[in-house]
Amino acid sequence: MNKRAPNPEDSLRGFPPATVAACLAFRAHNDPVALDTAIIGIIEHLLPKRPAQPVGSFPGSALLVEDLGLDSFSMVEMTFIFEDVFGAPLAQEELIKIRTLDDLRSLIQRSISSNK
């Protein structure tokens, strides 16, 4: 059984409506497109500085820190949000290995799958 936050919208307060909708759509239907939209939306919202192009247009090989501009505070906050919203704990030993957007996507998908 998934350990999901009773109300994921609490963790997403202040996020754009499209990001909240994608998170809720994933939770309701396990839609992989909604999951990717949610991941991108959460990252975009937490960036200390907006990149020149939308995060969704970056390739999966984009580096979270160097290319997207995530800092350590944003990474920690992002981890808590993913855990609260998707009910999937992200192991610390796995988090330190994440470098790219695809690394993050894979970790979240594995965490969600193993938590079902």
N, C-alpha and C. Protein backbone atom coordinates (compact mmCIF):
# COMPACT_ATOMS: atom_id res chain seq x y z
N MET A 1 0.84 -1.18 0.00
CA MET A 1 0.00 0.00 0.00
C MET A 1 0.88 1.25 0.00
N ASN A 2 0.54 2.22 -0.81
CA ASN A 2 1.32 3.45 -0.87
C ASN A 2 1.13 4.27 0.39
N LYS A 3 2.21 4.85 0.84
CA LYS A 3 2.14 5.80 1.95
C LYS A 3 2.10 7.18 1.34
N ARG A 4 0.92 7.69 1.12
CA ARG A 4 0.78 8.98 0.47
C ARG A 4 0.33 10.02 1.47
N ALA A 5 0.74 11.23 1.22
CA ALA A 5 0.30 12.35 2.05
C ALA A 5 -1.21 12.43 1.97
N PRO A 6 -1.88 12.71 3.09
CA PRO A 6 -3.34 12.79 3.07
C PRO A 6 -3.85 13.81 2.06
N ASN A 7 -3.16 14.91 1.91
CA ASN A 7 -3.58 15.92 0.95
C ASN A 7 -2.32 16.49 0.28
N PRO A 8 -1.99 15.99 -0.91
CA PRO A 8 -0.78 16.45 -1.58
C PRO A 8 -0.80 17.94 -1.89
N GLU A 9 -1.99 18.51 -1.96
CA GLU A 9 -2.08 19.94 -2.27
C GLU A 9 -1.45 20.79 -1.16
N ASP A 10 -1.39 20.26 0.05
CA ASP A 10 -0.72 20.99 1.14
C ASP A 10 0.76 21.19 0.81
N SER A 11 1.39 20.16 0.27
CA SER A 11 2.81 20.26 -0.09
C SER A 11 3.03 21.10 -1.33
N LEU A 12 1.98 21.31 -2.10
CA LEU A 12 2.10 22.03 -3.37
C LEU A 12 1.52 23.44 -3.31
N ARG A 13 1.24 23.91 -2.11
CA ARG A 13 0.69 25.26 -1.95
C ARG A 13 1.66 26.26 -2.58
N GLY A 14 1.13 27.11 -3.45
CA GLY A 14 1.94 28.12 -4.12
C GLY A 14 2.50 27.67 -5.46
N PHE A 15 2.35 26.39 -5.79
CA PHE A 15 2.83 25.89 -7.07
C PHE A 15 1.83 26.26 -8.16
N PRO A 16 2.28 26.33 -9.41
CA PRO A 16 1.35 26.64 -10.51
C PRO A 16 0.24 25.59 -10.60
N PRO A 17 -0.96 26.01 -10.97
CA PRO A 17 -2.09 25.08 -11.07
C PRO A 17 -1.81 23.88 -11.98
N ALA A 18 -1.08 24.08 -13.07
CA ALA A 18 -0.78 22.96 -13.98
C ALA A 18 0.08 21.89 -13.29
N THR A 19 0.98 22.32 -12.44
CA THR A 19 1.83 21.37 -11.71
C THR A 19 0.99 20.60 -10.69
N VAL A 20 0.14 21.29 -9.97
CA VAL A 20 -0.74 20.64 -8.99
C VAL A 20 -1.65 19.65 -9.72
N ALA A 21 -2.22 20.06 -10.84
CA ALA A 21 -3.11 19.18 -11.60
C ALA A 21 -2.36 17.94 -12.08
N ALA A 22 -1.12 18.10 -12.53
CA ALA A 22 -0.34 16.94 -12.99
C ALA A 22 -0.05 15.98 -11.85
N CYS A 23 0.28 16.51 -10.68
CA CYS A 23 0.53 15.66 -9.52
C CYS A 23 -0.72 14.88 -9.14
N LEU A 24 -1.85 15.55 -9.12
CA LEU A 24 -3.10 14.89 -8.76
C LEU A 24 -3.51 13.87 -9.82
N ALA A 25 -3.27 14.19 -11.09
CA ALA A 25 -3.59 13.24 -12.17
C ALA A 25 -2.73 11.99 -12.06
N PHE A 26 -1.47 12.17 -11.73
CA PHE A 26 -0.62 10.99 -11.57
C PHE A 26 -1.11 10.14 -10.40
N ARG A 27 -1.40 10.78 -9.29
CA ARG A 27 -1.86 10.03 -8.11
C ARG A 27 -3.15 9.27 -8.41
N ALA A 28 -4.03 9.87 -9.19
CA ALA A 28 -5.32 9.25 -9.47
C ALA A 28 -5.23 8.14 -10.52
N HIS A 29 -4.35 8.30 -11.51
CA HIS A 29 -4.36 7.39 -12.66
C HIS A 29 -3.02 6.76 -12.99
N ASN A 30 -1.98 7.07 -12.22
CA ASN A 30 -0.62 6.56 -12.51
C ASN A 30 -0.19 6.84 -13.94
N ASP A 31 -0.56 7.99 -14.44
CA ASP A 31 -0.25 8.39 -15.80
C ASP A 31 1.21 8.86 -15.89
N PRO A 32 2.05 8.15 -16.67
CA PRO A 32 3.48 8.53 -16.75
C PRO A 32 3.71 9.92 -17.34
N VAL A 33 2.83 10.36 -18.23
CA VAL A 33 2.96 11.70 -18.80
C VAL A 33 2.70 12.74 -17.71
N ALA A 34 1.69 12.48 -16.89
CA ALA A 34 1.39 13.41 -15.78
C ALA A 34 2.55 13.42 -14.79
N LEU A 35 3.18 12.27 -14.56
CA LEU A 35 4.32 12.22 -13.64
C LEU A 35 5.45 13.09 -14.16
N ASP A 36 5.77 12.97 -15.44
CA ASP A 36 6.86 13.78 -15.99
C ASP A 36 6.52 15.26 -15.95
N THR A 37 5.28 15.60 -16.25
CA THR A 37 4.84 16.99 -16.17
C THR A 37 4.98 17.50 -14.74
N ALA A 38 4.61 16.66 -13.77
CA ALA A 38 4.72 17.03 -12.36
C ALA A 38 6.17 17.24 -11.96
N ILE A 39 7.05 16.33 -12.35
CA ILE A 39 8.47 16.44 -12.01
C ILE A 39 9.04 17.74 -12.57
N ILE A 40 8.78 17.99 -13.84
CA ILE A 40 9.29 19.20 -14.49
C ILE A 40 8.72 20.45 -13.80
N GLY A 41 7.44 20.44 -13.51
CA GLY A 41 6.80 21.59 -12.86
C GLY A 41 7.36 21.87 -11.48
N ILE A 42 7.60 20.80 -10.72
CA ILE A 42 8.17 20.98 -9.38
C ILE A 42 9.58 21.54 -9.47
N ILE A 43 10.39 21.00 -10.35
CA ILE A 43 11.75 21.51 -10.52
C ILE A 43 11.72 22.98 -10.92
N GLU A 44 10.92 23.28 -11.93
CA GLU A 44 10.84 24.66 -12.44
C GLU A 44 10.45 25.63 -11.33
N HIS A 45 9.49 25.24 -10.51
CA HIS A 45 9.03 26.10 -9.42
C HIS A 45 10.10 26.33 -8.36
N LEU A 46 10.95 25.35 -8.14
CA LEU A 46 11.94 25.44 -7.07
C LEU A 46 13.27 26.06 -7.50
N LEU A 47 13.44 26.28 -8.76
CA LEU A 47 14.70 26.87 -9.23
C LEU A 47 14.90 28.27 -8.65
N PRO A 48 16.08 28.53 -8.11
CA PRO A 48 16.34 29.86 -7.57
C PRO A 48 16.34 30.94 -8.67
N LYS A 49 16.71 30.53 -9.90
CA LYS A 49 16.76 31.46 -11.03
C LYS A 49 16.26 30.70 -12.26
N ARG A 50 15.37 31.31 -13.01
CA ARG A 50 14.82 30.68 -14.21
C ARG A 50 15.90 30.53 -15.28
N PRO A 51 15.99 29.35 -15.90
CA PRO A 51 16.93 29.20 -17.02
C PRO A 51 16.38 29.92 -18.26
N ALA A 52 17.22 30.07 -19.26
CA ALA A 52 16.84 30.78 -20.48
C ALA A 52 15.70 30.09 -21.23
N GLN A 53 15.58 28.77 -21.06
CA GLN A 53 14.52 28.02 -21.73
C GLN A 53 13.73 27.23 -20.70
N PRO A 54 12.51 26.82 -21.02
CA PRO A 54 11.71 26.04 -20.07
C PRO A 54 12.40 24.72 -19.72
N VAL A 55 12.26 24.29 -18.49
CA VAL A 55 12.91 23.06 -18.04
C VAL A 55 12.46 21.87 -18.89
N GLY A 56 11.21 21.86 -19.30
CA GLY A 56 10.70 20.76 -20.12
C GLY A 56 11.37 20.63 -21.47
N SER A 57 12.04 21.67 -21.93
CA SER A 57 12.71 21.60 -23.22
C SER A 57 14.16 21.11 -23.11
N PHE A 58 14.66 20.94 -21.89
CA PHE A 58 16.00 20.43 -21.70
C PHE A 58 16.02 18.92 -21.99
N PRO A 59 17.13 18.41 -22.52
CA PRO A 59 17.23 16.96 -22.72
C PRO A 59 17.37 16.26 -21.37
N GLY A 60 17.11 14.98 -21.36
CA GLY A 60 17.24 14.19 -20.14
C GLY A 60 18.64 14.19 -19.57
N SER A 61 19.61 14.48 -20.40
CA SER A 61 21.01 14.51 -19.96
C SER A 61 21.39 15.83 -19.29
N ALA A 62 20.44 16.77 -19.21
CA ALA A 62 20.72 18.06 -18.58
C ALA A 62 21.11 17.85 -17.12
N LEU A 63 22.16 18.52 -16.71
CA LEU A 63 22.66 18.42 -15.34
C LEU A 63 21.81 19.31 -14.43
N LEU A 64 21.36 18.75 -13.32
CA LEU A 64 20.45 19.47 -12.43
C LEU A 64 21.08 20.74 -11.86
N VAL A 65 22.34 20.66 -11.49
CA VAL A 65 23.00 21.82 -10.88
C VAL A 65 23.57 22.74 -11.95
N GLU A 66 24.41 22.19 -12.80
CA GLU A 66 25.13 23.01 -13.77
C GLU A 66 24.24 23.60 -14.86
N ASP A 67 23.31 22.80 -15.40
CA ASP A 67 22.48 23.27 -16.51
C ASP A 67 21.18 23.94 -16.05
N LEU A 68 20.54 23.33 -15.04
CA LEU A 68 19.25 23.86 -14.60
C LEU A 68 19.38 24.89 -13.48
N GLY A 69 20.46 24.81 -12.72
CA GLY A 69 20.67 25.79 -11.66
C GLY A 69 20.10 25.43 -10.30
N LEU A 70 19.77 24.14 -10.09
CA LEU A 70 19.30 23.75 -8.75
C LEU A 70 20.44 23.91 -7.76
N ASP A 71 20.10 24.40 -6.58
CA ASP A 71 21.11 24.49 -5.52
C ASP A 71 20.76 23.45 -4.46
N SER A 72 21.60 23.33 -3.44
CA SER A 72 21.41 22.29 -2.43
C SER A 72 20.09 22.47 -1.67
N PHE A 73 19.72 23.70 -1.39
CA PHE A 73 18.45 23.94 -0.70
C PHE A 73 17.27 23.48 -1.55
N SER A 74 17.30 23.81 -2.83
CA SER A 74 16.23 23.40 -3.74
C SER A 74 16.16 21.88 -3.87
N MET A 75 17.31 21.23 -3.88
CA MET A 75 17.34 19.76 -3.98
C MET A 75 16.70 19.13 -2.76
N VAL A 76 17.00 19.65 -1.58
CA VAL A 76 16.40 19.11 -0.35
C VAL A 76 14.90 19.35 -0.35
N GLU A 77 14.49 20.56 -0.68
CA GLU A 77 13.07 20.88 -0.71
C GLU A 77 12.34 20.01 -1.74
N MET A 78 12.96 19.82 -2.90
CA MET A 78 12.38 18.99 -3.94
C MET A 78 12.19 17.55 -3.45
N THR A 79 13.15 17.04 -2.73
CA THR A 79 13.08 15.67 -2.19
C THR A 79 11.87 15.52 -1.27
N PHE A 80 11.70 16.47 -0.35
CA PHE A 80 10.55 16.40 0.56
C PHE A 80 9.23 16.48 -0.19
N ILE A 81 9.17 17.32 -1.19
CA ILE A 81 7.93 17.47 -1.95
C ILE A 81 7.61 16.18 -2.70
N PHE A 82 8.62 15.59 -3.36
CA PHE A 82 8.38 14.34 -4.08
C PHE A 82 7.91 13.25 -3.12
N GLU A 83 8.52 13.17 -1.96
CA GLU A 83 8.13 12.16 -0.98
C GLU A 83 6.70 12.39 -0.49
N ASP A 84 6.36 13.64 -0.20
CA ASP A 84 5.01 13.96 0.28
C ASP A 84 3.95 13.72 -0.79
N VAL A 85 4.22 14.19 -1.99
CA VAL A 85 3.22 14.15 -3.04
C VAL A 85 3.04 12.74 -3.61
N PHE A 86 4.13 12.02 -3.81
CA PHE A 86 4.05 10.71 -4.45
C PHE A 86 4.14 9.55 -3.46
N GLY A 87 4.38 9.86 -2.18
CA GLY A 87 4.43 8.81 -1.18
C GLY A 87 5.56 7.82 -1.40
N ALA A 88 6.62 8.27 -2.03
CA ALA A 88 7.73 7.40 -2.36
C ALA A 88 9.01 7.95 -1.73
N PRO A 89 9.49 7.31 -0.67
CA PRO A 89 10.72 7.80 -0.06
C PRO A 89 11.91 7.67 -1.01
N LEU A 90 12.73 8.69 -1.02
CA LEU A 90 13.92 8.69 -1.87
C LEU A 90 15.13 8.44 -0.98
N ALA A 91 15.79 7.33 -1.19
CA ALA A 91 16.92 6.93 -0.36
C ALA A 91 18.09 7.90 -0.51
N GLN A 92 18.65 8.30 0.62
CA GLN A 92 19.77 9.24 0.64
C GLN A 92 20.93 8.76 -0.23
N GLU A 93 21.24 7.46 -0.14
CA GLU A 93 22.37 6.94 -0.92
C GLU A 93 22.12 7.01 -2.42
N GLU A 94 20.84 7.02 -2.82
CA GLU A 94 20.49 7.18 -4.23
C GLU A 94 20.50 8.65 -4.63
N LEU A 95 20.05 9.50 -3.74
CA LEU A 95 19.99 10.93 -4.04
C LEU A 95 21.36 11.52 -4.37
N ILE A 96 22.37 11.07 -3.67
CA ILE A 96 23.70 11.65 -3.90
C ILE A 96 24.28 11.27 -5.26
N LYS A 97 23.69 10.27 -5.91
CA LYS A 97 24.15 9.84 -7.23
C LYS A 97 23.48 10.60 -8.37
N ILE A 98 22.43 11.31 -8.07
CA ILE A 98 21.65 11.99 -9.11
C ILE A 98 22.42 13.18 -9.67
N ARG A 99 22.56 13.18 -10.96
CA ARG A 99 23.25 14.29 -11.64
C ARG A 99 22.39 14.93 -12.72
N THR A 100 21.59 14.09 -13.40
CA THR A 100 20.84 14.58 -14.56
C THR A 100 19.34 14.52 -14.33
N LEU A 101 18.62 15.15 -15.22
CA LEU A 101 17.17 15.11 -15.20
C LEU A 101 16.67 13.68 -15.33
N ASP A 102 17.27 12.90 -16.22
CA ASP A 102 16.87 11.50 -16.38
C ASP A 102 17.19 10.67 -15.13
N ASP A 103 18.31 10.97 -14.46
CA ASP A 103 18.62 10.28 -13.20
C ASP A 103 17.50 10.50 -12.20
N LEU A 104 17.04 11.73 -12.10
CA LEU A 104 15.98 12.07 -11.16
C LEU A 104 14.68 11.37 -11.54
N ARG A 105 14.33 11.42 -12.81
CA ARG A 105 13.12 10.75 -13.28
C ARG A 105 13.16 9.26 -12.93
N SER A 106 14.29 8.62 -13.21
CA SER A 106 14.43 7.18 -12.96
C SER A 106 14.30 6.87 -11.47
N LEU A 107 14.94 7.67 -10.64
CA LEU A 107 14.87 7.44 -9.20
C LEU A 107 13.44 7.56 -8.70
N ILE A 108 12.74 8.57 -9.14
CA ILE A 108 11.35 8.76 -8.69
C ILE A 108 10.48 7.61 -9.18
N GLN A 109 10.65 7.21 -10.43
CA GLN A 109 9.85 6.10 -10.96
C GLN A 109 10.14 4.80 -10.21
N ARG A 110 11.42 4.53 -9.92
CA ARG A 110 11.77 3.32 -9.15
C ARG A 110 11.18 3.38 -7.74
N SER A 111 11.26 4.55 -7.12
CA SER A 111 10.74 4.70 -5.76
C SER A 111 9.23 4.50 -5.72
N ILE A 112 8.55 5.04 -6.70
CA ILE A 112 7.09 4.88 -6.78
C ILE A 112 6.74 3.41 -7.02
N SER A 113 7.43 2.78 -7.95
CA SER A 113 7.16 1.37 -8.27
C SER A 113 7.41 0.45 -7.10
N SER A 114 8.48 0.70 -6.37
CA SER A 114 8.82 -0.19 -5.24
C SER A 114 7.93 0.09 -4.02
N ASN A 115 7.22 1.19 -4.04
CA ASN A 115 6.38 1.56 -2.90
C ASN A 115 4.91 1.18 -3.10
N LYS A 116 4.60 0.58 -4.25
CA LYS A 116 3.21 0.18 -4.54
C LYS A 116 2.85 -1.06 -3.77
